Amino acid sequence: MRHKPIKSKLFLQNRKRIAELMAPKALAVINANDVLPTNADGTLPMQPNADLFFLTGIEQEESILVLFPDAADEKHREILFVRQPNEQLQIWEGYKHTKADARKISGVKNVKWLSEFPVIFRSLMCEVESAYLNSNEYKRANVEVQTRDMRFIRQCQTDFPLHRYRRLAPLLHELRVVKTDLEIELLKEAVSITAKGFRRTLRFVKPGVVEYEVEAELAREFIKRRGKFAYTPIVAAGKNNCVLHYLQNDQECKKGQLLLMDVASSYANYNADLTRTIPVSGKFSRRQKKVYNAVLRVLRASIEGATVGKLHKDWTKEAQNHMNEELLELGLLKKSQIKKQDPDSPACRKYFMHGLGHPLGLDVHDVGDNNKPFASGTVLTVEPGIYLPDEGFGVRLEDDIVVTEEGPINLMEKIPIETDEIESIMGR
């Protein structure tokens, strides 16, 4: 693992929490993700299954967790199955977990080899009344490739057709959207690495550098601090500011342009999500600064408005109303446009067409039900923007916050965001 060891207390707590939500006499099964192929005999880097990591801290392929809180035999209440190391695996793929490793990482006492799973699982299924199986139930997921969990569901339904099956995803979503103190600490480390990367770019960016050179500076800072890109980086200069998911990163940064960077680090699979917009030449023009400060005011008001008990849709509506007023001041909207706007498509969407923010955690767009009020411990991104393709630039700003009973906590409050501070650092 690239990150420092994590206290198994985190995973013990999470398994205890999920067990409390499960129906009596039920078991749950969570599979690791597949190692995905590319071309010829190539494969993509292993992406740990977020749910399996949440419950065990295990990042190794083909691992399986079985939870059966009401099992008659106490040893069967938590079982972790991992691949058995052998000389051939060691030569071709490197180190694999021993049973002692898996116990230390996860806190699961009963660790078995993967080859033992079929016999043990059949025995347990004969004891249970229902089984929780897992799948990707993220609302915007585009599920075209069958996952390891989906293949397992089909096999279970074939082998045990008379059992009652339940969905594990809603329980995991309920738990994962509210972060524990240990999770917040891991998120803070991801934010800290991100902050150092951003400060590096402030000293590096100048007319003539290329977007991919900026990306390289960020990669260097993240990797040397045990992090990695949380998502494909967006490094967008000039008119590219206005492409929301710009990934080309191959254009020269020119004098007078703005550079929008939507780039953050992941640490121990917990993701930060940062956006900053800076002047390539080190100074904002008067117009750029006016638009920038309008976005900043919406950002700060939206952070303050993220309170316990508020619905995501109401929070978003407040930001859109505020953005209408800012756009009016900038001369981009007229009062008549705001007065005649469709409530479901406010006037500001011409210039601010995306969402205000999303849950953040083990996934960048983390799981959670946006129809439920914000709970204490919810981690959100806040990312308003104004995009002016006709003027050749756009501005987006994004911070990560924790909703608490005492009010929102901005995890990124120490990352430069004021125009004067950005200009000062770049001027050095």
Protein backbone atom coordinates (compact mmCIF):
# COMPACT_ATOMS: atom_id res chain seq x y z
CA MET A 1 0.00 0.00 0.00
CA ARG A 2 1.22 3.50 -0.79
CA HIS A 3 -0.36 5.16 2.25
CA LYS A 4 0.63 4.73 5.87
CA PRO A 5 -1.12 1.92 7.79
CA ILE A 6 -4.62 2.83 8.96
CA LYS A 7 -5.84 1.86 12.42
CA SER A 8 -8.10 -1.20 12.10
CA LYS A 9 -10.43 0.57 14.56
CA LEU A 10 -11.94 2.41 11.58
CA PHE A 11 -12.97 -0.80 9.86
CA LEU A 12 -14.11 -2.48 13.09
CA GLN A 13 -16.42 0.49 13.71
CA ASN A 14 -17.80 0.36 10.18
CA ARG A 15 -18.56 -3.37 10.37
CA LYS A 16 -20.30 -2.85 13.69
CA ARG A 17 -22.41 -0.07 12.17
CA ILE A 18 -23.46 -2.13 9.15
CA ALA A 19 -24.27 -5.14 11.34
CA GLU A 20 -26.68 -3.00 13.35
CA LEU A 21 -28.62 -2.17 10.17
CA MET A 22 -28.91 -5.74 8.89
CA ALA A 23 -32.05 -7.85 9.29
CA PRO A 24 -31.97 -10.78 11.77
CA LYS A 25 -30.44 -14.04 10.52
CA ALA A 26 -29.01 -12.38 7.41
CA LEU A 27 -25.54 -12.39 5.94
CA ALA A 28 -23.84 -9.92 3.62
CA VAL A 29 -21.19 -10.48 0.94
CA ILE A 30 -18.88 -7.84 -0.56
CA ASN A 31 -16.46 -8.64 -3.38
CA ALA A 32 -13.31 -6.87 -4.52
CA ASN A 33 -13.34 -5.14 -7.89
CA ASP A 34 -12.04 -6.89 -10.99
CA VAL A 35 -8.63 -6.12 -12.42
CA LEU A 36 -9.81 -4.64 -15.72
CA PRO A 37 -8.21 -5.44 -19.09
CA THR A 38 -6.97 -2.91 -21.63
CA ASN A 39 -5.48 -4.23 -24.90
CA ALA A 40 -3.46 -7.38 -25.68
CA ASP A 41 -2.44 -8.72 -22.25
CA GLY A 42 -2.53 -5.31 -20.54
CA THR A 43 -4.53 -4.39 -17.45
CA LEU A 44 -5.50 -1.19 -15.69
CA PRO A 45 -4.13 -0.46 -12.20
CA MET A 46 -6.23 -2.11 -9.51
CA GLN A 47 -8.98 0.20 -8.19
CA PRO A 48 -10.03 -1.02 -4.72
CA ASN A 49 -13.72 -1.60 -4.16
CA ALA A 50 -14.80 1.35 -1.98
CA ASP A 51 -17.33 -0.71 0.00
CA LEU A 52 -14.87 -3.51 0.72
CA PHE A 53 -12.24 -0.97 1.75
CA PHE A 54 -14.77 0.85 3.96
CA LEU A 55 -15.40 -2.37 5.88
CA THR A 56 -11.94 -3.98 5.88
CA GLY A 57 -9.17 -1.71 4.58
CA ILE A 58 -8.30 -4.48 2.12
CA GLU A 59 -7.18 -3.35 -1.36
CA GLN A 60 -6.17 -6.72 -2.84
CA GLU A 61 -7.92 -8.28 -5.84
CA GLU A 62 -10.33 -11.25 -5.50
CA SER A 63 -10.90 -10.66 -1.76
CA ILE A 64 -14.33 -11.37 -0.27
CA LEU A 65 -15.89 -10.29 3.03
CA VAL A 66 -18.78 -12.25 4.58
CA LEU A 67 -20.69 -10.74 7.52
CA PHE A 68 -23.18 -12.89 9.45
CA PRO A 69 -23.81 -11.14 12.79
CA ASP A 70 -26.27 -13.77 14.06
CA ALA A 71 -24.22 -16.85 13.15
CA ALA A 72 -24.44 -19.62 15.73
CA ASP A 73 -20.69 -20.11 15.55
CA GLU A 74 -19.00 -16.89 16.62
CA LYS A 75 -16.13 -17.55 14.19
CA HIS A 76 -18.58 -17.22 11.30
CA ARG A 77 -19.80 -13.72 12.16
CA GLU A 78 -16.97 -12.11 10.19
CA ILE A 79 -14.92 -13.99 7.61
CA LEU A 80 -12.41 -12.46 5.22
CA PHE A 81 -11.23 -14.50 2.22
CA VAL A 82 -7.98 -13.58 0.42
CA ARG A 83 -5.82 -15.15 -2.29
CA GLN A 84 -3.27 -17.61 -0.97
CA PRO A 85 0.29 -16.44 -1.73
CA ASN A 86 2.52 -18.78 -3.69
CA GLU A 87 5.88 -18.68 -5.42
CA GLN A 88 4.40 -18.09 -8.89
CA LEU A 89 2.32 -15.10 -7.73
CA GLN A 90 5.35 -13.70 -5.94
CA ILE A 91 7.43 -13.83 -9.13
CA TRP A 92 4.83 -12.37 -11.49
CA GLU A 93 2.67 -10.06 -9.35
CA GLY A 94 4.62 -9.47 -6.16
CA TYR A 95 3.63 -9.60 -2.55
CA LYS A 96 0.18 -10.84 -1.47
CA HIS A 97 -1.35 -10.65 1.99
CA THR A 98 -0.68 -13.41 4.47
CA LYS A 99 -3.49 -14.25 6.89
CA ALA A 100 -1.64 -12.29 9.58
CA ASP A 101 -1.44 -9.25 7.28
CA ALA A 102 -5.16 -9.38 6.53
CA ARG A 103 -6.02 -9.68 10.24
CA LYS A 104 -3.84 -6.71 11.14
CA ILE A 105 -5.22 -4.47 8.40
CA SER A 106 -8.91 -5.34 8.80
CA GLY A 107 -9.30 -6.44 12.39
CA VAL A 108 -11.19 -9.52 11.11
CA LYS A 109 -10.00 -12.46 13.22
CA ASN A 110 -11.20 -15.25 10.92
CA VAL A 111 -9.21 -15.01 7.68
CA LYS A 112 -9.47 -17.85 5.15
CA TRP A 113 -7.94 -18.57 1.76
CA LEU A 114 -10.14 -17.86 -1.22
CA SER A 115 -10.17 -21.54 -2.17
CA GLU A 116 -12.14 -22.26 1.00
CA PHE A 117 -14.97 -19.88 0.13
CA PRO A 118 -17.38 -22.21 -1.81
CA VAL A 119 -17.71 -24.83 0.95
CA ILE A 120 -17.95 -22.32 3.82
CA PHE A 121 -20.38 -20.09 1.95
CA ARG A 122 -22.73 -22.99 1.17
CA SER A 123 -22.75 -23.99 4.83
CA LEU A 124 -23.62 -20.44 5.89
CA MET A 125 -26.35 -20.05 3.27
CA CYS A 126 -28.06 -23.11 4.70
CA GLU A 127 -28.23 -21.30 8.05
CA VAL A 128 -29.41 -17.83 7.00
CA GLU A 129 -32.90 -16.54 6.26
CA SER A 130 -31.77 -13.85 3.77
CA ALA A 131 -28.65 -12.53 2.08
CA TYR A 132 -27.53 -8.96 1.37
CA LEU A 133 -25.73 -8.73 -1.96
CA ASN A 134 -23.94 -5.65 -3.24
CA SER A 135 -24.13 -3.72 -6.50
CA ASN A 136 -23.36 -0.25 -7.86
CA GLU A 137 -26.54 1.75 -7.19
CA TYR A 138 -25.10 5.20 -7.79
CA LYS A 139 -27.86 7.06 -9.64
CA ARG A 140 -25.67 8.34 -12.47
CA ALA A 141 -23.59 5.18 -12.90
CA ASN A 142 -23.25 3.91 -16.45
CA VAL A 143 -23.05 0.16 -15.83
CA GLU A 144 -22.03 -1.50 -19.10
CA VAL A 145 -19.39 -3.93 -17.84
CA GLN A 146 -20.50 -6.74 -15.55
CA THR A 147 -18.76 -6.47 -12.19
CA ARG A 148 -17.49 -9.21 -9.90
CA ASP A 149 -20.41 -8.47 -7.57
CA MET A 150 -22.92 -8.84 -10.42
CA ARG A 151 -21.48 -12.20 -11.46
CA PHE A 152 -21.65 -13.30 -7.85
CA ILE A 153 -25.31 -12.25 -7.60
CA ARG A 154 -26.19 -14.37 -10.64
CA GLN A 155 -24.33 -17.36 -9.24
CA CYS A 156 -26.07 -17.03 -5.87
CA GLN A 157 -29.50 -16.84 -7.47
CA THR A 158 -28.69 -19.96 -9.48
CA ASP A 159 -27.26 -21.96 -6.59
CA PHE A 160 -29.79 -20.81 -3.97
CA PRO A 161 -33.00 -19.90 -5.85
CA LEU A 162 -35.30 -20.11 -2.81
CA HIS A 163 -33.42 -17.65 -0.63
CA ARG A 164 -34.59 -14.09 -0.02
CA TYR A 165 -32.12 -11.52 -1.33
CA ARG A 166 -31.72 -7.97 -0.06
CA ARG A 167 -29.86 -4.90 -1.36
CA LEU A 168 -26.75 -4.00 0.61
CA ALA A 169 -26.10 -0.72 -1.24
CA PRO A 170 -28.77 1.37 0.56
CA LEU A 171 -27.28 0.43 3.95
CA LEU A 172 -23.75 1.25 2.82
CA HIS A 173 -24.89 4.55 1.30
CA GLU A 174 -26.53 5.53 4.59
CA LEU A 175 -23.31 4.86 6.49
CA ARG A 176 -20.74 6.15 4.00
CA VAL A 177 -22.33 9.58 3.52
CA VAL A 178 -21.67 10.43 7.20
CA LYS A 179 -17.94 10.39 7.95
CA THR A 180 -16.42 9.30 11.26
CA ASP A 181 -13.60 11.25 12.91
CA LEU A 182 -11.07 8.72 11.59
CA GLU A 183 -12.34 9.21 8.05
CA ILE A 184 -12.17 12.99 8.40
CA GLU A 185 -8.50 12.67 9.36
CA LEU A 186 -7.76 10.76 6.14
CA LEU A 187 -9.65 13.37 4.12
CA LYS A 188 -7.61 16.09 5.80
CA GLU A 189 -4.42 14.39 4.65
CA ALA A 190 -5.73 14.28 1.07
CA VAL A 191 -6.55 18.01 1.38
CA SER A 192 -3.09 18.76 2.81
CA ILE A 193 -1.37 17.04 -0.13
CA THR A 194 -3.67 18.89 -2.53
CA ALA A 195 -2.81 22.23 -0.91
CA LYS A 196 0.91 21.65 -1.37
CA GLY A 197 0.34 20.77 -5.01
CA PHE A 198 -1.67 23.93 -5.62
CA ARG A 199 0.92 26.16 -3.97
CA ARG A 200 3.53 24.55 -6.20
CA THR A 201 1.55 25.53 -9.31
CA LEU A 202 1.27 29.15 -8.10
CA ARG A 203 5.07 29.34 -8.19
CA PHE A 204 5.31 27.50 -11.51
CA VAL A 205 2.63 28.94 -13.79
CA LYS A 206 3.64 31.72 -16.20
CA PRO A 207 3.06 32.53 -19.87
CA GLY A 208 4.52 29.85 -22.11
CA VAL A 209 4.05 26.79 -19.90
CA VAL A 210 1.81 24.04 -21.30
CA GLU A 211 -1.19 22.60 -19.47
CA TYR A 212 0.44 19.15 -19.23
CA GLU A 213 3.51 20.70 -17.61
CA VAL A 214 1.27 22.04 -14.85
CA GLU A 215 -0.28 18.57 -14.52
CA ALA A 216 3.24 17.11 -14.18
CA GLU A 217 4.09 19.51 -11.33
CA LEU A 218 0.97 18.42 -9.47
CA ALA A 219 1.73 14.74 -10.06
CA ARG A 220 5.22 15.17 -8.63
CA GLU A 221 3.92 16.84 -5.48
CA PHE A 222 1.11 14.33 -4.94
CA ILE A 223 3.12 11.17 -5.55
CA LYS A 224 6.07 12.14 -3.36
CA ARG A 225 3.61 12.64 -0.48
CA ARG A 226 1.97 9.19 -0.88
CA GLY A 227 -1.00 10.56 -2.79
CA LYS A 228 -2.25 10.23 -6.35
CA PHE A 229 -4.73 12.03 -8.59
CA ALA A 230 -8.21 11.64 -7.11
CA TYR A 231 -9.65 11.92 -10.63
CA THR A 232 -8.43 12.75 -14.11
CA PRO A 233 -7.02 16.28 -13.74
CA ILE A 234 -8.57 19.26 -15.50
CA VAL A 235 -5.92 21.87 -16.36
CA ALA A 236 -7.68 24.35 -18.63
CA ALA A 237 -6.28 27.65 -19.95
CA GLY A 238 -8.16 30.43 -21.74
CA LYS A 239 -11.36 29.37 -23.49
CA ASN A 240 -10.81 25.84 -22.16
CA ASN A 241 -11.99 27.25 -18.79
CA CYS A 242 -15.52 26.93 -20.16
CA VAL A 243 -15.32 23.20 -20.96
CA LEU A 244 -16.60 21.59 -17.76
CA HIS A 245 -14.85 18.24 -18.17
CA TYR A 246 -11.85 19.37 -20.23
CA LEU A 247 -9.22 16.60 -20.17
CA GLN A 248 -6.98 17.42 -23.15
CA ASN A 249 -4.40 19.35 -21.08
CA ASP A 250 -2.15 20.11 -24.08
CA GLN A 251 -2.52 23.83 -24.77
CA GLU A 252 -0.07 26.63 -24.04
CA CYS A 253 -0.91 29.01 -21.21
CA LYS A 254 -0.80 32.54 -22.61
CA LYS A 255 -0.50 36.02 -21.13
CA GLY A 256 -3.83 37.48 -20.10
CA GLN A 257 -5.55 34.09 -19.82
CA LEU A 258 -6.94 32.43 -16.73
CA LEU A 259 -5.93 28.88 -15.84
CA LEU A 260 -8.67 26.74 -14.27
CA MET A 261 -7.36 23.73 -12.35
CA ASP A 262 -9.84 21.14 -11.09
CA VAL A 263 -7.25 18.82 -9.58
CA ALA A 264 -6.93 17.10 -6.20
CA SER A 265 -5.16 14.28 -4.45
CA SER A 266 -6.44 11.01 -3.07
CA TYR A 267 -4.89 9.56 0.08
CA ALA A 268 -5.65 6.07 1.39
CA ASN A 269 -8.55 5.97 -1.11
CA TYR A 270 -10.15 9.09 0.43
CA ASN A 271 -10.48 11.90 -2.11
CA ALA A 272 -10.12 15.65 -1.97
CA ASP A 273 -11.72 17.78 -4.71
CA LEU A 274 -10.30 21.25 -5.37
CA THR A 275 -10.85 23.86 -8.07
CA ARG A 276 -8.94 27.12 -8.34
CA THR A 277 -8.74 29.65 -11.18
CA ILE A 278 -5.55 31.73 -11.43
CA PRO A 279 -4.14 34.37 -13.82
CA VAL A 280 -1.43 32.96 -16.11
CA SER A 281 0.55 36.21 -16.02
CA GLY A 282 0.14 36.62 -12.25
CA LYS A 283 -2.42 39.45 -12.34
CA PHE A 284 -6.18 39.35 -12.86
CA SER A 285 -7.67 41.87 -15.26
CA ARG A 286 -10.39 44.12 -13.83
CA ARG A 287 -13.13 42.10 -15.53
CA GLN A 288 -11.65 38.76 -14.50
CA LYS A 289 -11.42 39.92 -10.90
CA LYS A 290 -15.04 41.10 -10.86
CA VAL A 291 -16.28 37.74 -12.15
CA TYR A 292 -13.92 35.87 -9.80
CA ASN A 293 -15.12 37.74 -6.72
CA ALA A 294 -18.75 37.13 -7.69
CA VAL A 295 -18.08 33.39 -7.74
CA LEU A 296 -16.18 33.66 -4.46
CA ARG A 297 -19.12 35.37 -2.76
CA VAL A 298 -21.48 32.59 -3.91
CA LEU A 299 -18.97 29.99 -2.70
CA ARG A 300 -18.72 31.50 0.77
CA ALA A 301 -22.45 32.03 1.15
CA SER A 302 -23.10 28.45 0.03
CA ILE A 303 -20.60 27.12 2.55
CA GLU A 304 -22.37 29.01 5.32
CA GLY A 305 -25.70 27.72 4.05
CA ALA A 306 -24.72 24.04 4.29
CA THR A 307 -26.37 23.31 7.63
CA VAL A 308 -27.70 20.22 9.36
CA GLY A 309 -31.26 19.42 8.29
CA LYS A 310 -31.18 21.29 4.97
CA LEU A 311 -32.13 19.49 1.76
CA HIS A 312 -29.65 19.46 -1.11
CA LYS A 313 -32.23 20.91 -3.51
CA ASP A 314 -32.96 23.85 -1.17
CA TRP A 315 -29.24 24.50 -0.70
CA THR A 316 -28.79 24.55 -4.47
CA LYS A 317 -31.79 26.86 -4.95
CA GLU A 318 -30.31 29.36 -2.48
CA ALA A 319 -27.05 29.40 -4.44
CA GLN A 320 -28.87 29.86 -7.75
CA ASN A 321 -30.81 32.82 -6.35
CA HIS A 322 -27.56 34.35 -5.12
CA MET A 323 -25.90 33.68 -8.48
CA ASN A 324 -28.79 35.46 -10.27
CA GLU A 325 -28.05 38.57 -8.22
CA GLU A 326 -24.32 38.39 -8.95
CA LEU A 327 -24.95 37.96 -12.68
CA LEU A 328 -27.30 40.93 -12.58
CA GLU A 329 -24.53 43.06 -11.06
CA LEU A 330 -22.10 41.85 -13.72
CA GLY A 331 -24.49 42.93 -16.49
CA LEU A 332 -24.93 39.35 -17.67
CA LEU A 333 -28.60 39.05 -16.72
CA LYS A 334 -31.53 41.46 -16.74
CA LYS A 335 -34.21 41.73 -14.06
CA SER A 336 -36.81 40.72 -16.63
CA GLN A 337 -34.96 37.44 -17.29
CA ILE A 338 -34.93 36.61 -13.61
CA LYS A 339 -38.60 37.56 -13.23
CA LYS A 340 -39.63 35.32 -16.14
CA GLN A 341 -37.35 32.38 -15.30
CA ASP A 342 -38.60 28.81 -15.11
CA PRO A 343 -38.24 27.73 -11.44
CA ASP A 344 -36.80 24.40 -12.62
CA SER A 345 -34.30 26.14 -14.91
CA PRO A 346 -33.27 29.45 -13.32
CA ALA A 347 -31.80 32.24 -15.39
CA CYS A 348 -28.31 31.72 -13.95
CA ARG A 349 -28.02 28.34 -15.67
CA LYS A 350 -26.92 30.09 -18.85
CA TYR A 351 -23.64 30.86 -17.07
CA PHE A 352 -23.70 28.38 -14.14
CA MET A 353 -25.03 25.18 -15.65
CA HIS A 354 -23.79 22.47 -13.26
CA GLY A 355 -24.62 21.40 -9.73
CA LEU A 356 -23.46 23.25 -6.63
CA GLY A 357 -21.75 20.28 -5.01
CA HIS A 358 -21.83 16.60 -4.14
CA PRO A 359 -20.93 14.18 -1.34
CA LEU A 360 -17.22 13.38 -1.13
CA GLY A 361 -15.28 10.48 0.34
CA LEU A 362 -14.13 7.08 -0.90
CA ASP A 363 -15.60 8.07 -4.25
CA VAL A 364 -15.15 11.58 -5.62
CA HIS A 365 -18.87 11.66 -6.38
CA ASP A 366 -19.60 9.74 -3.21
CA VAL A 367 -22.69 7.71 -2.44
CA GLY A 368 -25.58 9.18 -0.48
CA ASP A 369 -29.22 10.09 -0.90
CA ASN A 370 -29.64 13.72 -1.99
CA ASN A 371 -33.30 13.52 -1.01
CA LYS A 372 -32.37 13.26 2.66
CA PRO A 373 -31.45 16.31 4.77
CA PHE A 374 -27.79 16.99 5.49
CA ALA A 375 -26.63 15.13 8.59
CA SER A 376 -23.77 16.08 10.86
CA GLY A 377 -20.61 14.50 9.45
CA THR A 378 -21.65 14.84 5.81
CA VAL A 379 -18.72 15.92 3.62
CA LEU A 380 -19.61 18.04 0.58
CA THR A 381 -17.90 19.86 -2.23
CA VAL A 382 -19.04 23.44 -2.91
CA GLU A 383 -18.23 24.50 -6.47
CA PRO A 384 -20.03 27.47 -8.07
CA GLY A 385 -18.80 28.86 -11.38
CA ILE A 386 -19.43 31.45 -14.06
CA TYR A 387 -18.52 30.57 -17.66
CA LEU A 388 -18.24 33.24 -20.34
CA PRO A 389 -17.17 31.61 -23.63
CA ASP A 390 -17.89 34.85 -25.54
CA GLU A 391 -15.33 36.61 -23.33
CA GLY A 392 -12.85 33.73 -23.53
CA PHE A 393 -12.74 32.73 -19.88
CA GLY A 394 -14.58 31.10 -17.02
CA VAL A 395 -14.13 30.91 -13.26
CA ARG A 396 -14.87 27.99 -10.96
CA LEU A 397 -13.91 27.75 -7.29
CA GLU A 398 -14.32 24.67 -5.13
CA ASP A 399 -13.76 23.83 -1.48
CA ASP A 400 -14.55 20.72 0.59
CA ILE A 401 -16.57 21.09 3.78
CA VAL A 402 -17.90 19.05 6.70
CA VAL A 403 -21.45 19.74 7.87
CA THR A 404 -21.64 19.82 11.68
CA GLU A 405 -24.12 20.81 14.37
CA GLU A 406 -21.94 23.84 15.13
CA GLY A 407 -21.87 24.92 11.49
CA PRO A 408 -19.85 23.97 8.40
CA ILE A 409 -16.10 23.39 8.63
CA ASN A 410 -14.09 24.30 5.54
CA LEU A 411 -11.34 21.70 5.13
CA MET A 412 -9.67 23.96 2.53
CA GLU A 413 -9.79 27.27 4.37
CA LYS A 414 -5.97 27.53 4.35
CA ILE A 415 -5.64 27.00 0.59
CA PRO A 416 -5.16 30.40 -1.12
CA ILE A 417 -8.33 31.72 -2.74
CA GLU A 418 -8.39 35.53 -2.37
CA THR A 419 -7.23 37.30 -5.54
CA ASP A 420 -4.70 39.42 -3.62
CA GLU A 421 -3.11 36.34 -2.00
CA ILE A 422 -2.91 34.48 -5.30
CA GLU A 423 -1.33 37.46 -7.03
CA SER A 424 1.11 37.93 -4.16
CA ILE A 425 2.30 34.31 -4.21
CA MET A 426 2.60 34.28 -8.01
CA GLY A 427 4.48 37.58 -7.90
CA ARG A 428 7.24 36.10 -5.75
